PDB file of N, CA and C in Angstrom:
ATOM      1  N   MET A   1      10.789  23.011 -28.901  1.00  0.00           N
ATOM      2  CA  MET A   1      10.668  23.438 -27.526  1.00  0.00           C
ATOM      3  C   MET A   1       9.302  23.081 -26.961  1.00  0.00           C
ATOM      4  N   SER A   2       8.281  23.136 -27.789  1.00  0.00           N
ATOM      5  CA  SER A   2       6.953  22.769 -27.305  1.00  0.00           C
ATOM      6  C   SER A   2       6.873  21.272 -27.001  1.00  0.00           C
ATOM      7  N   GLU A   3       7.666  20.453 -27.726  1.00  0.00           N
ATOM      8  CA  GLU A   3       7.683  19.020 -27.442  1.00  0.00           C
ATOM      9  C   GLU A   3       8.278  18.745 -26.067  1.00  0.00           C
ATOM     10  N   GLN A   4       9.307  19.473 -25.692  1.00  0.00           N
ATOM     11  CA  GLN A   4       9.904  19.298 -24.372  1.00  0.00           C
ATOM     12  C   GLN A   4       8.904  19.658 -23.280  1.00  0.00           C
ATOM     13  N   GLU A   5       8.179  20.747 -23.468  1.00  0.00           N
ATOM     14  CA  GLU A   5       7.178  21.148 -22.480  1.00  0.00           C
ATOM     15  C   GLU A   5       6.093  20.085 -22.360  1.00  0.00           C
ATOM     16  N   LYS A   6       5.714  19.498 -23.492  1.00  0.00           N
ATOM     17  CA  LYS A   6       4.689  18.460 -23.485  1.00  0.00           C
ATOM     18  C   LYS A   6       5.166  17.236 -22.711  1.00  0.00           C
ATOM     19  N   VAL A   7       6.423  16.837 -22.919  1.00  0.00           N
ATOM     20  CA  VAL A   7       6.983  15.684 -22.223  1.00  0.00           C
ATOM     21  C   VAL A   7       7.028  15.951 -20.722  1.00  0.00           C
ATOM     22  N   VAL A   8       7.451  17.134 -20.328  1.00  0.00           N
ATOM     23  CA  VAL A   8       7.527  17.488 -18.912  1.00  0.00           C
ATOM     24  C   VAL A   8       6.136  17.489 -18.294  1.00  0.00           C
ATOM     25  N   SER A   9       5.156  18.043 -18.987  1.00  0.00           N
ATOM     26  CA  SER A   9       3.800  18.090 -18.434  1.00  0.00           C
ATOM     27  C   SER A   9       3.197  16.686 -18.346  1.00  0.00           C
ATOM     28  N   ASP A  10       3.519  15.797 -19.301  1.00  0.00           N
ATOM     29  CA  ASP A  10       3.029  14.422 -19.235  1.00  0.00           C
ATOM     30  C   ASP A  10       3.622  13.693 -18.035  1.00  0.00           C
ATOM     31  N   GLN A  11       4.896  13.910 -17.775  1.00  0.00           N
ATOM     32  CA  GLN A  11       5.533  13.260 -16.633  1.00  0.00           C
ATOM     33  C   GLN A  11       4.968  13.789 -15.323  1.00  0.00           C
ATOM     34  N   ALA A  12       4.672  15.064 -15.266  1.00  0.00           N
ATOM     35  CA  ALA A  12       4.141  15.648 -14.035  1.00  0.00           C
ATOM     36  C   ALA A  12       2.723  15.161 -13.765  1.00  0.00           C
ATOM     37  N   SER A  13       1.917  15.007 -14.814  1.00  0.00           N
ATOM     38  CA  SER A  13       0.538  14.571 -14.614  1.00  0.00           C
ATOM     39  C   SER A  13       0.462  13.073 -14.319  1.00  0.00           C
ATOM     40  N   GLU A  14       1.457  12.309 -14.749  1.00  0.00           N
ATOM     41  CA  GLU A  14       1.472  10.872 -14.505  1.00  0.00           C
ATOM     42  C   GLU A  14       2.079  10.615 -13.132  1.00  0.00           C
ATOM     43  N   ARG A  15       1.243  10.139 -12.195  1.00  0.00           N
ATOM     44  CA  ARG A  15       1.679   9.957 -10.818  1.00  0.00           C
ATOM     45  C   ARG A  15       1.330   8.554 -10.372  1.00  0.00           C
ATOM     46  N   ASN A  16       2.144   8.014  -9.509  1.00  0.00           N
ATOM     47  CA  ASN A  16       1.871   6.684  -9.001  1.00  0.00           C
ATOM     48  C   ASN A  16       0.664   6.691  -8.078  1.00  0.00           C
ATOM     49  N   TYR A  17       0.050   5.527  -7.932  1.00  0.00           N
ATOM     50  CA  TYR A  17      -1.086   5.373  -7.036  1.00  0.00           C
ATOM     51  C   TYR A  17      -0.611   5.495  -5.595  1.00  0.00           C
ATOM     52  N   ARG A  18      -1.329   6.261  -4.799  1.00  0.00           N
ATOM     53  CA  ARG A  18      -0.961   6.440  -3.395  1.00  0.00           C
ATOM     54  C   ARG A  18      -2.030   5.847  -2.507  1.00  0.00           C
ATOM     55  N   LYS A  19      -1.605   5.079  -1.526  1.00  0.00           N
ATOM     56  CA  LYS A  19      -2.551   4.443  -0.614  1.00  0.00           C
ATOM     57  C   LYS A  19      -3.173   5.485   0.303  1.00  0.00           C
ATOM     58  N   THR A  20      -4.450   5.305   0.610  1.00  0.00           N
ATOM     59  CA  THR A  20      -5.116   6.142   1.603  1.00  0.00           C
ATOM     60  C   THR A  20      -5.731   5.238   2.649  1.00  0.00           C
ATOM     61  N   ARG A  21      -5.704   5.683   3.884  1.00  0.00           N
ATOM     62  CA  ARG A  21      -6.263   4.930   5.000  1.00  0.00           C
ATOM     63  C   ARG A  21      -6.999   5.889   5.920  1.00  0.00           C
ATOM     64  N   GLN A  22      -7.959   5.345   6.685  1.00  0.00           N
ATOM     65  CA  GLN A  22      -8.642   6.102   7.725  1.00  0.00           C
ATOM     66  C   GLN A  22      -8.246   5.512   9.059  1.00  0.00           C
ATOM     67  N   GLY A  23      -8.103   6.372  10.044  1.00  0.00           N
ATOM     68  CA  GLY A  23      -7.738   5.883  11.363  1.00  0.00           C
ATOM     69  C   GLY A  23      -7.982   6.930  12.425  1.00  0.00           C
ATOM     70  N   TYR A  24      -7.685   6.566  13.661  1.00  0.00           N
ATOM     71  CA  TYR A  24      -7.883   7.451  14.800  1.00  0.00           C
ATOM     72  C   TYR A  24      -6.532   7.902  15.343  1.00  0.00           C
ATOM     73  N   VAL A  25      -6.448   9.186  15.697  1.00  0.00           N
ATOM     74  CA  VAL A  25      -5.222   9.733  16.267  1.00  0.00           C
ATOM     75  C   VAL A  25      -5.083   9.219  17.688  1.00  0.00           C
ATOM     76  N   VAL A  26      -3.944   8.602  17.986  1.00  0.00           N
ATOM     77  CA  VAL A  26      -3.682   8.033  19.304  1.00  0.00           C
ATOM     78  C   VAL A  26      -2.798   8.977  20.121  1.00  0.00           C
ATOM     79  N   SER A  27      -1.871   9.674  19.447  1.00  0.00           N
ATOM     80  CA  SER A  27      -0.949  10.565  20.143  1.00  0.00           C
ATOM     81  C   SER A  27      -0.659  11.781  19.272  1.00  0.00           C
ATOM     82  N   ASP A  28      -0.598  12.959  19.915  1.00  0.00           N
ATOM     83  CA  ASP A  28      -0.241  14.188  19.197  1.00  0.00           C
ATOM     84  C   ASP A  28       0.838  14.968  19.947  1.00  0.00           C
ATOM     85  N   LYS A  29       1.680  14.274  20.681  1.00  0.00           N
ATOM     86  CA  LYS A  29       2.670  14.924  21.542  1.00  0.00           C
ATOM     87  C   LYS A  29       3.898  15.421  20.785  1.00  0.00           C
ATOM     88  N   MET A  30       4.098  14.959  19.559  1.00  0.00           N
ATOM     89  CA  MET A  30       5.249  15.395  18.775  1.00  0.00           C
ATOM     90  C   MET A  30       4.880  16.619  17.953  1.00  0.00           C
ATOM     91  N   ASP A  31       5.883  17.400  17.576  1.00  0.00           N
ATOM     92  CA  ASP A  31       5.651  18.590  16.770  1.00  0.00           C
ATOM     93  C   ASP A  31       5.455  18.193  15.306  1.00  0.00           C
ATOM     94  N   LYS A  32       4.321  18.585  14.742  1.00  0.00           N
ATOM     95  CA  LYS A  32       3.959  18.313  13.342  1.00  0.00           C
ATOM     96  C   LYS A  32       3.865  16.827  13.014  1.00  0.00           C
ATOM     97  N   THR A  33       3.680  15.992  14.015  1.00  0.00           N
ATOM     98  CA  THR A  33       3.560  14.549  13.811  1.00  0.00           C
ATOM     99  C   THR A  33       2.491  13.994  14.732  1.00  0.00           C
ATOM    100  N   VAL A  34       1.664  13.097  14.208  1.00  0.00           N
ATOM    101  CA  VAL A  34       0.676  12.391  15.020  1.00  0.00           C
ATOM    102  C   VAL A  34       0.835  10.897  14.781  1.00  0.00           C
ATOM    103  N   VAL A  35       0.431  10.113  15.772  1.00  0.00           N
ATOM    104  CA  VAL A  35       0.413   8.664  15.627  1.00  0.00           C
ATOM    105  C   VAL A  35      -1.025   8.266  15.341  1.00  0.00           C
ATOM    106  N   VAL A  36      -1.246   7.565  14.237  1.00  0.00           N
ATOM    107  CA  VAL A  36      -2.584   7.172  13.808  1.00  0.00           C
ATOM    108  C   VAL A  36      -2.690   5.660  13.880  1.00  0.00           C
ATOM    109  N   GLU A  37      -3.759   5.177  14.507  1.00  0.00           N
ATOM    110  CA  GLU A  37      -4.017   3.744  14.585  1.00  0.00           C
ATOM    111  C   GLU A  37      -4.975   3.374  13.454  1.00  0.00           C
ATOM    112  N   VAL A  38      -4.516   2.513  12.562  1.00  0.00           N
ATOM    113  CA  VAL A  38      -5.288   2.103  11.388  1.00  0.00           C
ATOM    114  C   VAL A  38      -5.752   0.670  11.591  1.00  0.00           C
ATOM    115  N   GLU A  39      -7.049   0.445  11.404  1.00  0.00           N
ATOM    116  CA  GLU A  39      -7.615  -0.894  11.569  1.00  0.00           C
ATOM    117  C   GLU A  39      -7.739  -1.574  10.214  1.00  0.00           C
ATOM    118  N   ASP A  40      -7.362  -2.840  10.170  1.00  0.00           N
ATOM    119  CA  ASP A  40      -7.459  -3.635   8.950  1.00  0.00           C
ATOM    120  C   ASP A  40      -8.219  -4.908   9.287  1.00  0.00           C
ATOM    121  N   ARG A  41      -9.244  -5.211   8.535  1.00  0.00           N
ATOM    122  CA  ARG A  41     -10.026  -6.427   8.765  1.00  0.00           C
ATOM    123  C   ARG A  41      -9.656  -7.456   7.702  1.00  0.00           C
ATOM    124  N   VAL A  42      -9.224  -8.623   8.161  1.00  0.00           N
ATOM    125  CA  VAL A  42      -8.847  -9.703   7.252  1.00  0.00           C
ATOM    126  C   VAL A  42      -9.620 -10.958   7.623  1.00  0.00           C
ATOM    127  N   LYS A  43      -9.884 -11.767   6.630  1.00  0.00           N
ATOM    128  CA  LYS A  43     -10.604 -13.012   6.845  1.00  0.00           C
ATOM    129  C   LYS A  43      -9.596 -14.137   7.037  1.00  0.00           C
ATOM    130  N   HIS A  44      -9.769 -14.925   8.086  1.00  0.00           N
ATOM    131  CA  HIS A  44      -8.877 -16.047   8.354  1.00  0.00           C
ATOM    132  C   HIS A  44      -9.025 -17.069   7.233  1.00  0.00           C
ATOM    133  N   ALA A  45      -7.913 -17.557   6.723  1.00  0.00           N
ATOM    134  CA  ALA A  45      -7.927 -18.446   5.564  1.00  0.00           C
ATOM    135  C   ALA A  45      -8.659 -19.754   5.834  1.00  0.00           C
ATOM    136  N   LEU A  46      -8.474 -20.341   7.004  1.00  0.00           N
ATOM    137  CA  LEU A  46      -9.059 -21.643   7.295  1.00  0.00           C
ATOM    138  C   LEU A  46     -10.427 -21.528   7.956  1.00  0.00           C
ATOM    139  N   TYR A  47     -10.543 -20.655   8.955  1.00  0.00           N
ATOM    140  CA  TYR A  47     -11.764 -20.604   9.757  1.00  0.00           C
ATOM    141  C   TYR A  47     -12.760 -19.541   9.308  1.00  0.00           C
ATOM    142  N   SER A  48     -12.400 -18.711   8.365  1.00  0.00           N
ATOM    143  CA  SER A  48     -13.275 -17.688   7.782  1.00  0.00           C
ATOM    144  C   SER A  48     -13.780 -16.658   8.787  1.00  0.00           C
ATOM    145  N   LYS A  49     -13.136 -16.548   9.924  1.00  0.00           N
ATOM    146  CA  LYS A  49     -13.517 -15.529  10.895  1.00  0.00           C
ATOM    147  C   LYS A  49     -12.838 -14.212  10.518  1.00  0.00           C
ATOM    148  N   VAL A  50     -13.568 -13.111  10.646  1.00  0.00           N
ATOM    149  CA  VAL A  50     -13.006 -11.802  10.351  1.00  0.00           C
ATOM    150  C   VAL A  50     -12.201 -11.337  11.564  1.00  0.00           C
ATOM    151  N   ILE A  51     -10.939 -11.041  11.338  1.00  0.00           N
ATOM    152  CA  ILE A  51     -10.025 -10.644  12.404  1.00  0.00           C
ATOM    153  C   ILE A  51      -9.686  -9.171  12.236  1.00  0.00           C
ATOM    154  N   ARG A  52      -9.702  -8.432  13.353  1.00  0.00           N
ATOM    155  CA  ARG A  52      -9.317  -7.020  13.343  1.00  0.00           C
ATOM    156  C   ARG A  52      -7.837  -6.906  13.692  1.00  0.00           C
ATOM    157  N   ARG A  53      -7.075  -6.298  12.790  1.00  0.00           N
ATOM    158  CA  ARG A  53      -5.659  -6.041  13.043  1.00  0.00           C
ATOM    159  C   ARG A  53      -5.456  -4.533  13.050  1.00  0.00           C
ATOM    160  N   THR A  54      -4.686  -4.046  13.996  1.00  0.00           N
ATOM    161  CA  THR A  54      -4.410  -2.613  14.051  1.00  0.00           C
ATOM    162  C   THR A  54      -2.921  -2.367  13.868  1.00  0.00           C
ATOM    163  N   THR A  55      -2.628  -1.268  13.201  1.00  0.00           N
ATOM    164  CA  THR A  55      -1.260  -0.848  12.957  1.00  0.00           C
ATOM    165  C   THR A  55      -1.144   0.622  13.333  1.00  0.00           C
ATOM    166  N   LYS A  56      -0.061   0.982  13.994  1.00  0.00           N
ATOM    167  CA  LYS A  56       0.180   2.384  14.333  1.00  0.00           C
ATOM    168  C   LYS A  56       1.209   2.949  13.361  1.00  0.00           C
ATOM    169  N   VAL A  57       0.854   4.070  12.721  1.00  0.00           N
ATOM    170  CA  VAL A  57       1.766   4.736  11.793  1.00  0.00           C
ATOM    171  C   VAL A  57       1.905   6.197  12.198  1.00  0.00           C
ATOM    172  N   LYS A  58       3.051   6.773  11.888  1.00  0.00           N
ATOM    173  CA  LYS A  58       3.271   8.196  12.143  1.00  0.00           C
ATOM    174  C   LYS A  58       2.905   8.967  10.885  1.00  0.00           C
ATOM    175  N   ALA A  59       2.160  10.063  11.065  1.00  0.00           N
ATOM    176  CA  ALA A  59       1.706  10.869   9.937  1.00  0.00           C
ATOM    177  C   ALA A  59       2.088  12.326  10.156  1.00  0.00           C
ATOM    178  N   HIS A  60       2.383  13.019   9.069  1.00  0.00           N
ATOM    179  CA  HIS A  60       2.773  14.427   9.116  1.00  0.00           C
ATOM    180  C   HIS A  60       1.529  15.300   9.227  1.00  0.00           C
ATOM    181  N   ASP A  61       1.549  16.230  10.186  1.00  0.00           N
ATOM    182  CA  ASP A  61       0.441  17.164  10.420  1.00  0.00           C
ATOM    183  C   ASP A  61       1.036  18.568  10.423  1.00  0.00           C
ATOM    184  N   GLU A  62       1.043  19.221   9.267  1.00  0.00           N
ATOM    185  CA  GLU A  62       1.756  20.491   9.088  1.00  0.00           C
ATOM    186  C   GLU A  62       1.277  21.593  10.033  1.00  0.00           C
ATOM    187  N   GLN A  63      -0.041  21.727  10.228  1.00  0.00           N
ATOM    188  CA  GLN A  63      -0.573  22.809  11.061  1.00  0.00           C
ATOM    189  C   GLN A  63      -0.837  22.390  12.507  1.00  0.00           C
ATOM    190  N   ASN A  64      -0.479  21.195  12.889  1.00  0.00           N
ATOM    191  CA  ASN A  64      -0.760  20.676  14.236  1.00  0.00           C
ATOM    192  C   ASN A  64      -2.244  20.792  14.576  1.00  0.00           C
ATOM    193  N   GLU A  65      -3.111  20.447  13.634  1.00  0.00           N
ATOM    194  CA  GLU A  65      -4.557  20.587  13.818  1.00  0.00           C
ATOM    195  C   GLU A  65      -5.182  19.377  14.493  1.00  0.00           C
ATOM    196  N   ALA A  66      -4.685  18.193  14.227  1.00  0.00           N
ATOM    197  CA  ALA A  66      -5.315  16.964  14.718  1.00  0.00           C
ATOM    198  C   ALA A  66      -5.020  16.766  16.197  1.00  0.00           C
ATOM    199  N   GLY A  67      -6.037  16.275  16.912  1.00  0.00           N
ATOM    200  CA  GLY A  67      -5.887  15.977  18.327  1.00  0.00           C
ATOM    201  C   GLY A  67      -6.205  14.520  18.595  1.00  0.00           C
ATOM    202  N   VAL A  68      -5.972  14.089  19.824  1.00  0.00           N
ATOM    203  CA  VAL A  68      -6.219  12.696  20.199  1.00  0.00           C
ATOM    204  C   VAL A  68      -7.707  12.396  20.054  1.00  0.00           C
ATOM    205  N   GLY A  69      -8.022  11.282  19.406  1.00  0.00           N
ATOM    206  CA  GLY A  69      -9.404  10.861  19.224  1.00  0.00           C
ATOM    207  C   GLY A  69     -10.024  11.287  17.909  1.00  0.00           C
ATOM    208  N   ASP A  70      -9.360  12.147  17.140  1.00  0.00           N
ATOM    209  CA  ASP A  70      -9.886  12.581  15.844  1.00  0.00           C
ATOM    210  C   ASP A  70      -9.783  11.448  14.831  1.00  0.00           C
ATOM    211  N   ARG A  71     -10.797  11.356  13.964  1.00  0.00           N
ATOM    212  CA  ARG A  71     -10.744  10.408  12.848  1.00  0.00           C
ATOM    213  C   ARG A  71     -10.174  11.148  11.649  1.00  0.00           C
ATOM    214  N   VAL A  72      -9.112  10.609  11.058  1.00  0.00           N
ATOM    215  CA  VAL A  72      -8.409  11.315   9.990  1.00  0.00           C
ATOM    216  C   VAL A  72      -8.245  10.426   8.763  1.00  0.00           C
ATOM    217  N   LEU A  73      -8.080  11.080   7.628  1.00  0.00           N
ATOM    218  CA  LEU A  73      -7.752  10.413   6.370  1.00  0.00           C
ATOM    219  C   LEU A  73      -6.279  10.693   6.104  1.00  0.00           C
ATOM    220  N   ILE A  74      -5.485   9.631   5.946  1.00  0.00           N
ATOM    221  CA  ILE A  74      -4.054   9.797   5.696  1.00  0.00           C
ATOM    222  C   ILE A  74      -3.703   9.217   4.331  1.00  0.00           C
ATOM    223  N   MET A  75      -2.658   9.775   3.726  1.00  0.00           N
ATOM    224  CA  MET A  75      -2.219   9.342   2.402  1.00  0.00           C
ATOM    225  C   MET A  75      -0.723   9.056   2.448  1.00  0.00           C
ATOM    226  N   GLU A  76      -0.330   8.036   1.721  1.00  0.00           N
ATOM    227  CA  GLU A  76       1.081   7.672   1.635  1.00  0.00           C
ATOM    228  C   GLU A  76       1.850   8.775   0.911  1.00  0.00           C
ATOM    229  N   THR A  77       3.071   9.039   1.354  1.00  0.00           N
ATOM    230  CA  THR A  77       3.897  10.074   0.746  1.00  0.00           C
ATOM    231  C   THR A  77       5.363   9.637   0.775  1.00  0.00           C
ATOM    232  N   ARG A  78       6.222  10.462   0.257  1.00  0.00           N
ATOM    233  CA  ARG A  78       7.655  10.141   0.288  1.00  0.00           C
ATOM    234  C   ARG A  78       8.127  10.103   1.738  1.00  0.00           C
ATOM    235  N   PRO A  79       9.207   9.410   2.030  1.00  0.00           N
ATOM    236  CA  PRO A  79       9.688   9.365   3.412  1.00  0.00           C
ATOM    237  C   PRO A  79      10.060  10.761   3.914  1.00  0.00           C
ATOM    238  N   LEU A  80       9.422  11.173   5.013  1.00  0.00           N
ATOM    239  CA  LEU A  80       9.703  12.474   5.612  1.00  0.00           C
ATOM    240  C   LEU A  80      10.715  12.353   6.742  1.00  0.00           C
ATOM    241  N   SER A  81      10.839  11.161   7.303  1.00  0.00           N
ATOM    242  CA  SER A  81      11.858  10.868   8.311  1.00  0.00           C
ATOM    243  C   SER A  81      12.070   9.360   8.306  1.00  0.00           C
ATOM    244  N   ALA A  82      12.778   8.857   9.297  1.00  0.00           N
ATOM    245  CA  ALA A  82      13.066   7.422   9.342  1.00  0.00           C
ATOM    246  C   ALA A  82      11.806   6.590   9.526  1.00  0.00           C
ATOM    247  N   THR A  83      10.798   7.131  10.215  1.00  0.00           N
ATOM    248  CA  THR A  83       9.584   6.355  10.500  1.00  0.00           C
ATOM    249  C   THR A  83       8.312   6.999   9.969  1.00  0.00           C
ATOM    250  N   LYS A  84       8.405   8.148   9.319  1.00  0.00           N
ATOM    251  CA  LYS A  84       7.203   8.878   8.886  1.00  0.00           C
ATOM    252  C   LYS A  84       7.072   8.838   7.368  1.00  0.00           C
ATOM    253  N   HIS A  85       6.026   8.123   6.877  1.00  0.00           N
ATOM    254  CA  HIS A  85       5.789   7.972   5.436  1.00  0.00           C
ATOM    255  C   HIS A  85       4.354   8.319   5.058  1.00  0.00           C
ATOM    256  N   TRP A  86       3.595   8.919   5.945  1.00  0.00           N
ATOM    257  CA  TRP A  86       2.195   9.255   5.706  1.00  0.00           C
ATOM    258  C   TRP A  86       1.971  10.725   6.030  1.00  0.00           C
ATOM    259  N   ARG A  87       0.919  11.312   5.452  1.00  0.00           N
ATOM    260  CA  ARG A  87       0.540  12.681   5.791  1.00  0.00           C
ATOM    261  C   ARG A  87      -0.969  12.766   5.913  1.00  0.00           C
ATOM    262  N   ILE A  88      -1.430  13.702   6.719  1.00  0.00           N
ATOM    263  CA  ILE A  88      -2.867  13.871   6.930  1.00  0.00           C
ATOM    264  C   ILE A  88      -3.446  14.650   5.759  1.00  0.00           C
ATOM    265  N   VAL A  89      -4.488  14.097   5.139  1.00  0.00           N
ATOM    266  CA  VAL A  89      -5.176  14.767   4.049  1.00  0.00           C
ATOM    267  C   VAL A  89      -6.278  15.649   4.621  1.00  0.00           C
ATOM    268  N   GLU A  90      -7.096  15.079   5.513  1.00  0.00           N
ATOM    269  CA  GLU A  90      -8.162  15.857   6.145  1.00  0.00           C
ATOM    270  C   GLU A  90      -8.590  15.200   7.447  1.00  0.00           C
ATOM    271  N   ILE A  91      -9.196  16.020   8.297  1.00  0.00           N
ATOM    272  CA  ILE A  91      -9.763  15.525   9.544  1.00  0.00           C
ATOM    273  C   ILE A  91     -11.232  15.241   9.263  1.00  0.00           C
ATOM    274  N   LEU A  92     -11.615  13.974   9.335  1.00  0.00           N
ATOM    275  CA  LEU A  92     -12.979  13.573   9.004  1.00  0.00           C
ATOM    276  C   LEU A  92     -13.953  13.871  10.140  1.00  0.00           C
ATOM    277  N   GLU A  93     -13.497  13.677  11.373  1.00  0.00           N
ATOM    278  CA  GLU A  93     -14.383  13.853  12.528  1.00  0.00           C
ATOM    279  C   GLU A  93     -13.536  14.247  13.733  1.00  0.00           C
ATOM    280  N   LYS A  94     -13.906  15.358  14.373  1.00  0.00           N
ATOM    281  CA  LYS A  94     -13.187  15.792  15.570  1.00  0.00           C
ATOM    282  C   LYS A  94     -13.643  14.962  16.764  1.00  0.00           C
ATOM    283  N   ALA A  95     -12.760  14.824  17.757  1.00  0.00           N
ATOM    284  CA  ALA A  95     -13.089  14.072  18.969  1.00  0.00           C
ATOM    285  C   ALA A  95     -14.153  14.825  19.761  1.00  0.00           C
ATOM    286  N   LYS A  96     -14.980  14.069  20.454  1.00  0.00           N
ATOM    287  CA  LYS A  96     -16.064  14.693  21.221  1.00  0.00           C
ATOM    288  C   LYS A  96     -15.593  15.160  22.567  1.00  0.00           C
TER     289      LYS A  96
END
């Protein structure tokens, strides 16, 4: 029986790597959901210029704490709806 508990605890402690991103809240009009704009900087293969690309993702905000303009840390999670796969870990900076 102790071997079974050990196997279960090993499986629980072993977790896949989850992506984390920082971004700015663009919209908070939905209940428990915010839209976060995430910036990604990539280097152009031929011209070596750094290009800014932005992506908007929906993130889960359980307490409805985040507001427009806040800088937040989001983490990848299981699909919570058809378009929501991220959740807010913490609010890094409140909007001024």
